[in-house]
Each structure stands twice: as C-alpha cells, then as structure tokens.
C-alpha cells in the first residue's frame, strides 16, 4: 500500500506543475491566454522587476483561461503565498526562463 503524500510535498508538486504549465503557455504562444499566464507568473515572481514596469494581475482576467490554465494560475498564487518561494526558484533553469518570459512580454503595450 502506498503512503499518502505529505501535504507540503503535494503543494510543492502542484506549484511546480502549475508554474511549468503557465510558463510553457507564456513562452510559446501569443494569444490572450498566454498574456494572462505571463502576468500570473511575473506578478508572483517579482511584481516590480524594474521601477518602470509593474506586473499587475487583474483577477478578472483569469476568467478567460481554460479550466486547466485557471487551475494552474490559482495553483501558482496559492503556492507562492503558502510556500513563500519565488516561482523561478522552483523549477530547473527558472531564472533564465523567467528572464525570457519577461523579455517576451515587457513591451506588450507596443504590440
């Protein structure tokens, strides 16, 4: 019989999976879903990456996400608040991936 996962470990696993799902969406797509995914991740990571650009997360934007994406967004928010760990520190290569994500979406107003 398998031993049930510890709640902390289960949360860490959910957080990591949620980050990866949203990161794939934010890096590989240009749709509105991808923009919301990037906003969730960048807001959770560091809301103030530069003094010139804030990464606000408008909760109402979550409604445009598909169910799995929305669950991932909520998983990132819950994991960030509960574990107090930046998303970029949870996944392998996180800082470089988040830097790419930031560069991809930083000038969205100009698109």
PDB file of N, CA and C in Angstrom:
ATOM      1  N   UNK A   1       0.837  -1.180   0.000  1.00  0.00           N
ATOM      2  CA  UNK A   1       0.000   0.000   0.000  1.00  0.00           C
ATOM      3  C   UNK A   1       0.882   1.245   0.000  1.00  0.00           C
ATOM      4  N   UNK A   2       0.522   2.209  -0.860  1.00  0.00           N
ATOM      5  CA  UNK A   2       1.302   3.439  -0.962  1.00  0.00           C
ATOM      6  C   UNK A   2       0.972   4.386   0.183  1.00  0.00           C
ATOM      7  N   UNK A   3       1.990   5.034   0.666  1.00  0.00           N
ATOM      8  CA  UNK A   3       1.831   6.036   1.714  1.00  0.00           C
ATOM      9  C   UNK A   3       1.309   7.333   1.083  1.00  0.00           C
ATOM     10  N   UNK A   4       0.321   7.991   1.681  1.00  0.00           N
ATOM     11  CA  UNK A   4      -0.183   9.239   1.109  1.00  0.00           C
ATOM     12  C   UNK A   4       0.899  10.334   1.167  1.00  0.00           C
ATOM     13  N   UNK A   5       0.845  11.213   0.186  1.00  0.00           N
ATOM     14  CA  UNK A   5       1.804  12.316   0.142  1.00  0.00           C
ATOM     15  C   UNK A   5       1.570  13.277   1.303  1.00  0.00           C
ATOM     16  N   UNK A   6       2.644  13.761   1.835  1.00  0.00           N
ATOM     17  CA  UNK A   6       2.594  14.813   2.833  1.00  0.00           C
ATOM     18  C   UNK A   6       1.962  16.046   2.175  1.00  0.00           C
ATOM     19  N   UNK A   7       1.175  16.809   2.922  1.00  0.00           N
ATOM     20  CA  UNK A   7       0.503  17.983   2.370  1.00  0.00           C
ATOM     21  C   UNK A   7       1.499  18.982   1.785  1.00  0.00           C
ATOM     22  N   UNK A   8       2.597  19.194   2.452  1.00  0.00           N
ATOM     23  CA  UNK A   8       3.623  20.129   1.985  1.00  0.00           C
ATOM     24  C   UNK A   8       4.198  19.666   0.650  1.00  0.00           C
ATOM     25  N   UNK A   9       4.510  18.398   0.548  1.00  0.00           N
ATOM     26  CA  UNK A   9       5.068  17.858  -0.700  1.00  0.00           C
ATOM     27  C   UNK A   9       4.040  17.948  -1.820  1.00  0.00           C
ATOM     28  N   UNK A  10       2.802  17.641  -1.519  1.00  0.00           N
ATOM     29  CA  UNK A  10       1.739  17.727  -2.520  1.00  0.00           C
ATOM     30  C   UNK A  10       1.600  19.160  -3.034  1.00  0.00           C
ATOM     31  N   UNK A  11       1.691  20.138  -2.138  1.00  0.00           N
ATOM     32  CA  UNK A  11       1.597  21.537  -2.539  1.00  0.00           C
ATOM     33  C   UNK A  11       2.789  21.936  -3.406  1.00  0.00           C
ATOM     34  N   UNK A  12       3.980  21.486  -3.040  1.00  0.00           N
ATOM     35  CA  UNK A  12       5.177  21.788  -3.824  1.00  0.00           C
ATOM     36  C   UNK A  12       5.066  21.207  -5.237  1.00  0.00           C
ATOM     37  N   UNK A  13       4.550  19.994  -5.340  1.00  0.00           N
ATOM     38  CA  UNK A  13       4.374  19.357  -6.645  1.00  0.00           C
ATOM     39  C   UNK A  13       3.348  20.127  -7.476  1.00  0.00           C
ATOM     40  N   UNK A  14       2.227  20.496  -6.867  1.00  0.00           N
ATOM     41  CA  UNK A  14       1.196  21.262  -7.577  1.00  0.00           C
ATOM     42  C   UNK A  14       1.758  22.600  -8.047  1.00  0.00           C
ATOM     43  N   UNK A  15       2.520  23.258  -7.192  1.00  0.00           N
ATOM     44  CA  UNK A  15       3.117  24.558  -7.515  1.00  0.00           C
ATOM     45  C   UNK A  15       4.052  24.421  -8.717  1.00  0.00           C
ATOM     46  N   UNK A  16       4.920  23.430  -8.686  1.00  0.00           N
ATOM     47  CA  UNK A  16       5.862  23.227  -9.782  1.00  0.00           C
ATOM     48  C   UNK A  16       5.138  22.936 -11.094  1.00  0.00           C
ATOM     49  N   UNK A  17       4.157  22.062 -11.064  1.00  0.00           N
ATOM     50  CA  UNK A  17       3.407  21.725 -12.283  1.00  0.00           C
ATOM     51  C   UNK A  17       2.665  22.939 -12.831  1.00  0.00           C
ATOM     52  N   UNK A  18       2.087  23.733 -11.935  1.00  0.00           N
ATOM     53  CA  UNK A  18       1.354  24.931 -12.346  1.00  0.00           C
ATOM     54  C   UNK A  18       2.293  25.938 -13.002  1.00  0.00           C
ATOM     55  N   UNK A  19       3.465  26.120 -12.419  1.00  0.00           N
ATOM     56  CA  UNK A  19       4.460  27.038 -12.990  1.00  0.00           C
ATOM     57  C   UNK A  19       4.853  26.579 -14.387  1.00  0.00           C
ATOM     58  N   UNK A  20       5.153  25.308 -14.536  1.00  0.00           N
ATOM     59  CA  UNK A  20       5.574  24.778 -15.835  1.00  0.00           C
ATOM     60  C   UNK A  20       4.484  24.944 -16.896  1.00  0.00           C
ATOM     61  N   UNK A  21       3.247  24.671 -16.531  1.00  0.00           N
ATOM     62  CA  UNK A  21       2.147  24.800 -17.493  1.00  0.00           C
ATOM     63  C   UNK A  21       2.017  26.246 -17.966  1.00  0.00           C
ATOM     64  N   UNK A  22       2.013  27.189 -17.024  1.00  0.00           N
ATOM     65  CA  UNK A  22       1.857  28.590 -17.394  1.00  0.00           C
ATOM     66  C   UNK A  22       3.096  29.120 -18.117  1.00  0.00           C
ATOM     67  N   UNK A  23       4.255  28.647 -17.739  1.00  0.00           N
ATOM     68  CA  UNK A  23       5.486  29.072 -18.400  1.00  0.00           C
ATOM     69  C   UNK A  23       5.504  28.609 -19.854  1.00  0.00           C
ATOM     70  N   UNK A  24       5.107  27.383 -20.103  1.00  0.00           N
ATOM     71  CA  UNK A  24       5.008  26.885 -21.482  1.00  0.00           C
ATOM     72  C   UNK A  24       4.032  27.738 -22.287  1.00  0.00           C
ATOM     73  N   UNK A  25       2.913  28.054 -21.694  1.00  0.00           N
ATOM     74  CA  UNK A  25       1.910  28.871 -22.376  1.00  0.00           C
ATOM     75  C   UNK A  25       2.453  30.276 -22.639  1.00  0.00           C
ATOM     76  N   UNK A  26       3.059  30.886 -21.635  1.00  0.00           N
ATOM     77  CA  UNK A  26       3.560  32.251 -21.768  1.00  0.00           C
ATOM     78  C   UNK A  26       4.733  32.406 -22.713  1.00  0.00           C
ATOM     79  N   UNK A  27       5.551  31.380 -22.828  1.00  0.00           N
ATOM     80  CA  UNK A  27       6.721  31.457 -23.705  1.00  0.00           C
ATOM     81  C   UNK A  27       6.437  31.036 -25.144  1.00  0.00           C
ATOM     82  N   UNK A  28       5.471  30.164 -25.343  1.00  0.00           N
ATOM     83  CA  UNK A  28       5.276  29.552 -26.659  1.00  0.00           C
ATOM     84  C   UNK A  28       4.075  30.055 -27.444  1.00  0.00           C
ATOM     85  N   UNK A  29       3.293  30.958 -26.871  1.00  0.00           N
ATOM     86  CA  UNK A  29       2.077  31.411 -27.550  1.00  0.00           C
ATOM     87  C   UNK A  29       1.962  32.925 -27.474  1.00  0.00           C
ATOM     88  N   UNK A  30       1.138  33.482 -28.350  1.00  0.00           N
ATOM     89  CA  UNK A  30       0.934  34.930 -28.377  1.00  0.00           C
ATOM     90  C   UNK A  30      -0.515  35.320 -28.121  1.00  0.00           C
ATOM     91  N   UNK A  31      -1.327  34.382 -27.730  1.00  0.00           N
ATOM     92  CA  UNK A  31      -2.740  34.653 -27.500  1.00  0.00           C
ATOM     93  C   UNK A  31      -2.953  35.363 -26.154  1.00  0.00           C
ATOM     94  N   UNK A  32      -4.179  35.794 -25.933  1.00  0.00           N
ATOM     95  CA  UNK A  32      -4.507  36.482 -24.680  1.00  0.00           C
ATOM     96  C   UNK A  32      -4.298  35.555 -23.476  1.00  0.00           C
ATOM     97  N   UNK A  33      -4.527  34.268 -23.662  1.00  0.00           N
ATOM     98  CA  UNK A  33      -4.294  33.295 -22.590  1.00  0.00           C
ATOM     99  C   UNK A  33      -2.825  33.347 -22.156  1.00  0.00           C
ATOM    100  N   UNK A  34      -1.933  33.454 -23.143  1.00  0.00           N
ATOM    101  CA  UNK A  34      -0.500  33.494 -22.855  1.00  0.00           C
ATOM    102  C   UNK A  34      -0.132  34.751 -22.083  1.00  0.00           C
ATOM    103  N   UNK A  35      -0.757  35.869 -22.412  1.00  0.00           N
ATOM    104  CA  UNK A  35      -0.501  37.132 -21.700  1.00  0.00           C
ATOM    105  C   UNK A  35      -0.931  37.010 -20.245  1.00  0.00           C
ATOM    106  N   UNK A  36      -2.084  36.417 -20.012  1.00  0.00           N
ATOM    107  CA  UNK A  36      -2.558  36.243 -18.635  1.00  0.00           C
ATOM    108  C   UNK A  36      -1.633  35.285 -17.885  1.00  0.00           C
ATOM    109  N   UNK A  37      -1.195  34.216 -18.534  1.00  0.00           N
ATOM    110  CA  UNK A  37      -0.263  33.279 -17.906  1.00  0.00           C
ATOM    111  C   UNK A  37       1.026  33.999 -17.506  1.00  0.00           C
ATOM    112  N   UNK A  38       1.548  34.834 -18.404  1.00  0.00           N
ATOM    113  CA  UNK A  38       2.758  35.602 -18.106  1.00  0.00           C
ATOM    114  C   UNK A  38       2.518  36.561 -16.951  1.00  0.00           C
ATOM    115  N   UNK A  39       1.370  37.224 -16.936  1.00  0.00           N
ATOM    116  CA  UNK A  39       1.047  38.148 -15.843  1.00  0.00           C
ATOM    117  C   UNK A  39       1.014  37.430 -14.494  1.00  0.00           C
ATOM    118  N   UNK A  40       0.409  36.254 -14.469  1.00  0.00           N
ATOM    119  CA  UNK A  40       0.349  35.477 -13.222  1.00  0.00           C
ATOM    120  C   UNK A  40       1.759  35.161 -12.741  1.00  0.00           C
ATOM    121  N   UNK A  41       2.580  34.629 -13.636  1.00  0.00           N
ATOM    122  CA  UNK A  41       3.930  34.220 -13.245  1.00  0.00           C
ATOM    123  C   UNK A  41       4.816  35.394 -12.860  1.00  0.00           C
ATOM    124  N   UNK A  42       4.805  36.444 -13.661  1.00  0.00           N
ATOM    125  CA  UNK A  42       5.674  37.578 -13.373  1.00  0.00           C
ATOM    126  C   UNK A  42       5.225  38.341 -12.138  1.00  0.00           C
ATOM    127  N   UNK A  43       3.936  38.388 -11.915  1.00  0.00           N
ATOM    128  CA  UNK A  43       3.423  39.022 -10.709  1.00  0.00           C
ATOM    129  C   UNK A  43       3.797  38.212  -9.469  1.00  0.00           C
ATOM    130  N   UNK A  44       3.700  36.893  -9.573  1.00  0.00           N
ATOM    131  CA  UNK A  44       4.051  36.030  -8.447  1.00  0.00           C
ATOM    132  C   UNK A  44       5.552  36.005  -8.195  1.00  0.00           C
ATOM    133  N   UNK A  45       6.317  36.178  -9.257  1.00  0.00           N
ATOM    134  CA  UNK A  45       7.764  36.098  -9.119  1.00  0.00           C
ATOM    135  C   UNK A  45       8.324  37.370  -8.493  1.00  0.00           C
ATOM    136  N   UNK A  46       8.138  38.447  -9.156  1.00  0.00           N
ATOM    137  CA  UNK A  46       8.578  39.753  -8.634  1.00  0.00           C
ATOM    138  C   UNK A  46       7.672  40.788  -9.278  1.00  0.00           C
ATOM    139  N   UNK A  47       6.799  41.344  -8.497  1.00  0.00           N
ATOM    140  CA  UNK A  47       5.841  42.299  -9.044  1.00  0.00           C
ATOM    141  C   UNK A  47       6.540  43.528  -9.616  1.00  0.00           C
ATOM    142  N   UNK A  48       7.687  43.881  -9.062  1.00  0.00           N
ATOM    143  CA  UNK A  48       8.432  45.046  -9.548  1.00  0.00           C
ATOM    144  C   UNK A  48       9.776  44.589 -10.101  1.00  0.00           C
ATOM    145  N   UNK A  49       9.791  44.164 -11.354  1.00  0.00           N
ATOM    146  CA  UNK A  49      11.044  43.723 -11.959  1.00  0.00           C
ATOM    147  C   UNK A  49      11.932  44.934 -12.244  1.00  0.00           C
ATOM    148  N   UNK A  50      11.331  45.996 -12.690  1.00  0.00           N
ATOM    149  CA  UNK A  50      12.063  47.245 -12.879  1.00  0.00           C
ATOM    150  C   UNK A  50      11.211  48.350 -12.279  1.00  0.00           C
ATOM    151  N   UNK A  51      11.805  49.476 -12.002  1.00  0.00           N
ATOM    152  CA  UNK A  51      10.981  50.574 -11.482  1.00  0.00           C
ATOM    153  C   UNK A  51       9.991  51.105 -12.509  1.00  0.00           C
ATOM    154  N   UNK A  52      10.185  50.737 -13.772  1.00  0.00           N
ATOM    155  CA  UNK A  52       9.345  51.282 -14.830  1.00  0.00           C
ATOM    156  C   UNK A  52       8.182  50.380 -15.230  1.00  0.00           C
ATOM    157  N   UNK A  53       8.211  49.136 -14.817  1.00  0.00           N
ATOM    158  CA  UNK A  53       7.172  48.197 -15.262  1.00  0.00           C
ATOM    159  C   UNK A  53       6.712  47.342 -14.105  1.00  0.00           C
ATOM    160  N   UNK A  54       5.468  47.473 -13.776  1.00  0.00           N
ATOM    161  CA  UNK A  54       4.863  46.605 -12.769  1.00  0.00           C
ATOM    162  C   UNK A  54       4.118  45.495 -13.491  1.00  0.00           C
ATOM    163  N   UNK A  55       3.995  44.379 -12.821  1.00  0.00           N
ATOM    164  CA  UNK A  55       3.268  43.262 -13.408  1.00  0.00           C
ATOM    165  C   UNK A  55       2.002  43.033 -12.612  1.00  0.00           C
ATOM    166  N   UNK A  56       1.010  43.869 -12.862  1.00  0.00           N
ATOM    167  CA  UNK A  56      -0.240  43.674 -12.135  1.00  0.00           C
ATOM    168  C   UNK A  56      -0.969  42.428 -12.635  1.00  0.00           C
ATOM    169  N   UNK A  57      -1.674  41.828 -11.756  1.00  0.00           N
ATOM    170  CA  UNK A  57      -2.512  40.694 -12.129  1.00  0.00           C
ATOM    171  C   UNK A  57      -3.953  41.102 -11.876  1.00  0.00           C
ATOM    172  N   UNK A  58      -4.711  41.181 -12.927  1.00  0.00           N
ATOM    173  CA  UNK A  58      -6.123  41.503 -12.802  1.00  0.00           C
ATOM    174  C   UNK A  58      -6.881  40.197 -12.656  1.00  0.00           C
ATOM    175  N   UNK A  59      -7.424  39.987 -11.481  1.00  0.00           N
ATOM    176  CA  UNK A  59      -8.103  38.729 -11.173  1.00  0.00           C
ATOM    177  C   UNK A  59      -9.194  38.417 -12.204  1.00  0.00           C
ATOM    178  N   UNK A  60      -9.872  39.436 -12.669  1.00  0.00           N
ATOM    179  CA  UNK A  60     -10.941  39.202 -13.652  1.00  0.00           C
ATOM    180  C   UNK A  60     -10.404  38.602 -14.949  1.00  0.00           C
ATOM    181  N   UNK A  61      -9.111  38.797 -15.257  1.00  0.00           N
ATOM    182  CA  UNK A  61      -8.522  38.204 -16.464  1.00  0.00           C
ATOM    183  C   UNK A  61      -8.460  36.681 -16.392  1.00  0.00           C
ATOM    184  N   UNK A  62      -8.466  36.138 -15.201  1.00  0.00           N
ATOM    185  CA  UNK A  62      -8.389  34.681 -15.060  1.00  0.00           C
ATOM    186  C   UNK A  62      -9.579  33.982 -15.705  1.00  0.00           C
ATOM    187  N   UNK A  63     -10.681  34.683 -15.848  1.00  0.00           N
ATOM    188  CA  UNK A  63     -11.889  34.051 -16.397  1.00  0.00           C
ATOM    189  C   UNK A  63     -11.739  33.673 -17.865  1.00  0.00           C
ATOM    190  N   UNK A  64     -10.785  34.275 -18.580  1.00  0.00           N
ATOM    191  CA  UNK A  64     -10.610  33.917 -19.996  1.00  0.00           C
ATOM    192  C   UNK A  64      -9.801  32.637 -20.178  1.00  0.00           C
ATOM    193  N   UNK A  65      -9.147  32.198 -19.121  1.00  0.00           N
ATOM    194  CA  UNK A  65      -8.342  30.985 -19.198  1.00  0.00           C
ATOM    195  C   UNK A  65      -9.224  29.748 -19.265  1.00  0.00           C
ATOM    196  N   UNK A  66      -8.727  28.727 -19.926  1.00  0.00           N
ATOM    197  CA  UNK A  66      -9.416  27.440 -19.905  1.00  0.00           C
ATOM    198  C   UNK A  66      -9.313  26.877 -18.494  1.00  0.00           C
ATOM    199  N   UNK A  67     -10.127  25.896 -18.185  1.00  0.00           N
ATOM    200  CA  UNK A  67     -10.201  25.369 -16.819  1.00  0.00           C
ATOM    201  C   UNK A  67      -8.835  24.930 -16.278  1.00  0.00           C
ATOM    202  N   UNK A  68      -8.084  24.170 -17.049  1.00  0.00           N
ATOM    203  CA  UNK A  68      -6.776  23.704 -16.594  1.00  0.00           C
ATOM    204  C   UNK A  68      -5.795  24.845 -16.379  1.00  0.00           C
ATOM    205  N   UNK A  69      -5.850  25.837 -17.263  1.00  0.00           N
ATOM    206  CA  UNK A  69      -4.986  27.012 -17.123  1.00  0.00           C
ATOM    207  C   UNK A  69      -5.364  27.828 -15.899  1.00  0.00           C
ATOM    208  N   UNK A  70      -6.654  27.974 -15.669  1.00  0.00           N
ATOM    209  CA  UNK A  70      -7.125  28.720 -14.497  1.00  0.00           C
ATOM    210  C   UNK A  70      -6.719  28.002 -13.212  1.00  0.00           C
ATOM    211  N   UNK A  71      -6.850  26.697 -13.196  1.00  0.00           N
ATOM    212  CA  UNK A  71      -6.412  25.930 -12.021  1.00  0.00           C
ATOM    213  C   UNK A  71      -4.915  26.086 -11.796  1.00  0.00           C
ATOM    214  N   UNK A  72      -4.144  26.128 -12.882  1.00  0.00           N
ATOM    215  CA  UNK A  72      -2.704  26.343 -12.759  1.00  0.00           C
ATOM    216  C   UNK A  72      -2.415  27.737 -12.200  1.00  0.00           C
ATOM    217  N   UNK A  73      -3.131  28.740 -12.678  1.00  0.00           N
ATOM    218  CA  UNK A  73      -2.947  30.108 -12.171  1.00  0.00           C
ATOM    219  C   UNK A  73      -3.240  30.168 -10.674  1.00  0.00           C
ATOM    220  N   UNK A  74      -4.318  29.541 -10.258  1.00  0.00           N
ATOM    221  CA  UNK A  74      -4.661  29.509  -8.838  1.00  0.00           C
ATOM    222  C   UNK A  74      -3.627  28.714  -8.049  1.00  0.00           C
ATOM    223  N   UNK A  75      -3.076  27.677  -8.667  1.00  0.00           N
ATOM    224  CA  UNK A  75      -2.025  26.891  -8.026  1.00  0.00           C
ATOM    225  C   UNK A  75      -0.759  27.702  -7.812  1.00  0.00           C
ATOM    226  N   UNK A  76      -0.422  28.552  -8.784  1.00  0.00           N
ATOM    227  CA  UNK A  76       0.744  29.424  -8.635  1.00  0.00           C
ATOM    228  C   UNK A  76       0.507  30.428  -7.511  1.00  0.00           C
ATOM    229  N   UNK A  77      -0.650  31.031  -7.505  1.00  0.00           N
ATOM    230  CA  UNK A  77      -0.964  32.018  -6.460  1.00  0.00           C
ATOM    231  C   UNK A  77      -0.923  31.357  -5.087  1.00  0.00           C
ATOM    232  N   UNK A  78      -1.578  30.215  -4.959  1.00  0.00           N
ATOM    233  CA  UNK A  78      -1.612  29.509  -3.673  1.00  0.00           C
ATOM    234  C   UNK A  78      -0.213  29.075  -3.245  1.00  0.00           C
ATOM    235  N   UNK A  79       0.551  28.517  -4.176  1.00  0.00           N
ATOM    236  CA  UNK A  79       1.904  28.074  -3.857  1.00  0.00           C
ATOM    237  C   UNK A  79       2.811  29.220  -3.453  1.00  0.00           C
ATOM    238  N   UNK A  80       2.706  30.328  -4.158  1.00  0.00           N
ATOM    239  CA  UNK A  80       3.557  31.493  -3.851  1.00  0.00           C
ATOM    240  C   UNK A  80       3.267  32.025  -2.456  1.00  0.00           C
ATOM    241  N   UNK A  81       1.990  32.132  -2.123  1.00  0.00           N
ATOM    242  CA  UNK A  81       1.598  32.670  -0.817  1.00  0.00           C
ATOM    243  C   UNK A  81       1.924  31.683   0.306  1.00  0.00           C
ATOM    244  N   UNK A  82       1.615  30.427   0.107  1.00  0.00           N
ATOM    245  CA  UNK A  82       1.776  29.424   1.155  1.00  0.00           C
ATOM    246  C   UNK A  82       3.231  29.023   1.373  1.00  0.00           C
ATOM    247  N   UNK A  83       3.965  28.806   0.292  1.00  0.00           N
ATOM    248  CA  UNK A  83       5.344  28.332   0.395  1.00  0.00           C
ATOM    249  C   UNK A  83       6.358  29.473   0.514  1.00  0.00           C
ATOM    250  N   UNK A  84       5.937  30.688   0.157  1.00  0.00           N
ATOM    251  CA  UNK A  84       6.797  31.869   0.211  1.00  0.00           C
ATOM    252  C   UNK A  84       8.092  31.641  -0.575  1.00  0.00           C
ATOM    253  N   UNK A  85       7.944  31.085  -1.762  1.00  0.00           N
ATOM    254  CA  UNK A  85       9.090  30.775  -2.614  1.00  0.00           C
ATOM    255  C   UNK A  85       8.808  31.313  -4.013  1.00  0.00           C
ATOM    256  N   UNK A  86       9.744  32.083  -4.555  1.00  0.00           N
ATOM    257  CA  UNK A  86       9.573  32.621  -5.899  1.00  0.00           C
ATOM    258  C   UNK A  86       9.432  31.488  -6.911  1.00  0.00           C
ATOM    259  N   UNK A  87       8.533  31.634  -7.871  1.00  0.00           N
ATOM    260  CA  UNK A  87       8.369  30.589  -8.882  1.00  0.00           C
ATOM    261  C   UNK A  87       9.663  30.252  -9.625  1.00  0.00           C
ATOM    262  N   UNK A  88      10.508  31.249  -9.866  1.00  0.00           N
ATOM    263  CA  UNK A  88      11.742  30.975 -10.602  1.00  0.00           C
ATOM    264  C   UNK A  88      12.698  30.077  -9.833  1.00  0.00           C
ATOM    265  N   UNK A  89      12.507  29.953  -8.531  1.00  0.00           N
ATOM    266  CA  UNK A  89      13.376  29.111  -7.711  1.00  0.00           C
ATOM    267  C   UNK A  89      12.857  27.678  -7.607  1.00  0.00           C
ATOM    268  N   UNK A  90      11.680  27.429  -8.133  1.00  0.00           N
ATOM    269  CA  UNK A  90      11.039  26.117  -8.000  1.00  0.00           C
ATOM    270  C   UNK A  90      11.404  25.174  -9.134  1.00  0.00           C
ATOM    271  N   UNK A  91      11.647  25.728 -10.308  1.00  0.00           N
ATOM    272  CA  UNK A  91      11.901  24.881 -11.469  1.00  0.00           C
ATOM    273  C   UNK A  91      13.352  25.003 -11.928  1.00  0.00           C
ATOM    274  N   UNK A  92      13.839  23.962 -12.552  1.00  0.00           N
ATOM    275  CA  UNK A  92      15.205  23.948 -13.067  1.00  0.00           C
ATOM    276  C   UNK A  92      15.338  25.002 -14.170  1.00  0.00           C
ATOM    277  N   UNK A  93      16.379  25.810 -14.090  1.00  0.00           N
ATOM    278  CA  UNK A  93      16.596  26.860 -15.078  1.00  0.00           C
ATOM    279  C   UNK A  93      15.645  28.024 -14.925  1.00  0.00           C
ATOM    280  N   UNK A  94      15.002  28.115 -13.776  1.00  0.00           N
ATOM    281  CA  UNK A  94      13.973  29.122 -13.545  1.00  0.00           C
ATOM    282  C   UNK A  94      14.374  30.559 -13.820  1.00  0.00           C
ATOM    283  N   UNK A  95      15.496  31.042 -13.260  1.00  0.00           N
ATOM    284  CA  UNK A  95      15.857  32.443 -13.508  1.00  0.00           C
ATOM    285  C   UNK A  95      15.992  32.784 -14.994  1.00  0.00           C
ATOM    286  N   UNK A  96      16.616  31.911 -15.759  1.00  0.00           N
ATOM    287  CA  UNK A  96      16.774  32.165 -17.198  1.00  0.00           C
ATOM    288  C   UNK A  96      15.421  32.116 -17.911  1.00  0.00           C
ATOM    289  N   UNK A  97      14.571  31.175 -17.543  1.00  0.00           N
ATOM    290  CA  UNK A  97      13.251  31.072 -18.167  1.00  0.00           C
ATOM    291  C   UNK A  97      12.387  32.287 -17.847  1.00  0.00           C
ATOM    292  N   UNK A  98      12.445  32.744 -16.617  1.00  0.00           N
ATOM    293  CA  UNK A  98      11.657  33.913 -16.231  1.00  0.00           C
ATOM    294  C   UNK A  98      12.207  35.181 -16.884  1.00  0.00           C
ATOM    295  N   UNK A  99      13.513  35.235 -17.097  1.00  0.00           N
ATOM    296  CA  UNK A  99      14.102  36.363 -17.809  1.00  0.00           C
ATOM    297  C   UNK A  99      13.584  36.390 -19.255  1.00  0.00           C
ATOM    298  N   UNK A 100      13.541  35.221 -19.886  1.00  0.00           N
ATOM    299  CA  UNK A 100      12.974  35.122 -21.248  1.00  0.00           C
ATOM    300  C   UNK A 100      11.511  35.549 -21.270  1.00  0.00           C
ATOM    301  N   UNK A 101      10.765  35.093 -20.272  1.00  0.00           N
ATOM    302  CA  UNK A 101       9.346  35.447 -20.193  1.00  0.00           C
ATOM    303  C   UNK A 101       9.183  36.951 -20.061  1.00  0.00           C
ATOM    304  N   UNK A 102       9.978  37.545 -19.193  1.00  0.00           N
ATOM    305  CA  UNK A 102       9.907  38.995 -19.001  1.00  0.00           C
ATOM    306  C   UNK A 102      10.210  39.731 -20.307  1.00  0.00           C
ATOM    307  N   UNK A 103      11.274  39.319 -21.017  1.00  0.00           N
ATOM    308  CA  UNK A 103      11.626  39.961 -22.280  1.00  0.00           C
ATOM    309  C   UNK A 103      10.527  39.786 -23.322  1.00  0.00           C
ATOM    310  N   UNK A 104       9.889  38.648 -23.287  1.00  0.00           N
ATOM    311  CA  UNK A 104       8.832  38.383 -24.270  1.00  0.00           C
ATOM    312  C   UNK A 104       7.638  39.309 -24.092  1.00  0.00           C
ATOM    313  N   UNK A 105       7.274  39.647 -22.876  1.00  0.00           N
ATOM    314  CA  UNK A 105       6.048  40.374 -22.599  1.00  0.00           C
ATOM    315  C   UNK A 105       6.259  41.804 -22.104  1.00  0.00           C
ATOM    316  N   UNK A 106       7.478  42.269 -21.959  1.00  0.00           N
ATOM    317  CA  UNK A 106       7.719  43.575 -21.350  1.00  0.00           C
ATOM    318  C   UNK A 106       7.186  44.737 -22.154  1.00  0.00           C
ATOM    319  N   UNK A 107       7.123  44.643 -23.467  1.00  0.00           N
ATOM    320  CA  UNK A 107       6.653  45.749 -24.300  1.00  0.00           C
ATOM    321  C   UNK A 107       5.306  45.449 -24.925  1.00  0.00           C
ATOM    322  N   UNK A 108       4.475  44.748 -24.204  1.00  0.00           N
ATOM    323  CA  UNK A 108       3.183  44.319 -24.755  1.00  0.00           C
ATOM    324  C   UNK A 108       2.321  45.502 -25.203  1.00  0.00           C
ATOM    325  N   UNK A 109       2.474  46.649 -24.549  1.00  0.00           N
ATOM    326  CA  UNK A 109       1.676  47.814 -24.909  1.00  0.00           C
ATOM    327  C   UNK A 109       1.977  48.279 -26.335  1.00  0.00           C
ATOM    328  N   UNK A 110       3.174  47.932 -26.841  1.00  0.00           N
ATOM    329  CA  UNK A 110       3.580  48.375 -28.163  1.00  0.00           C
ATOM    330  C   UNK A 110       3.152  47.409 -29.262  1.00  0.00           C
ATOM    331  N   UNK A 111       2.601  46.266 -28.926  1.00  0.00           N
ATOM    332  CA  UNK A 111       2.208  45.281 -29.937  1.00  0.00           C
ATOM    333  C   UNK A 111       1.018  45.761 -30.729  1.00  0.00           C
TER     334      UNK A 111
END
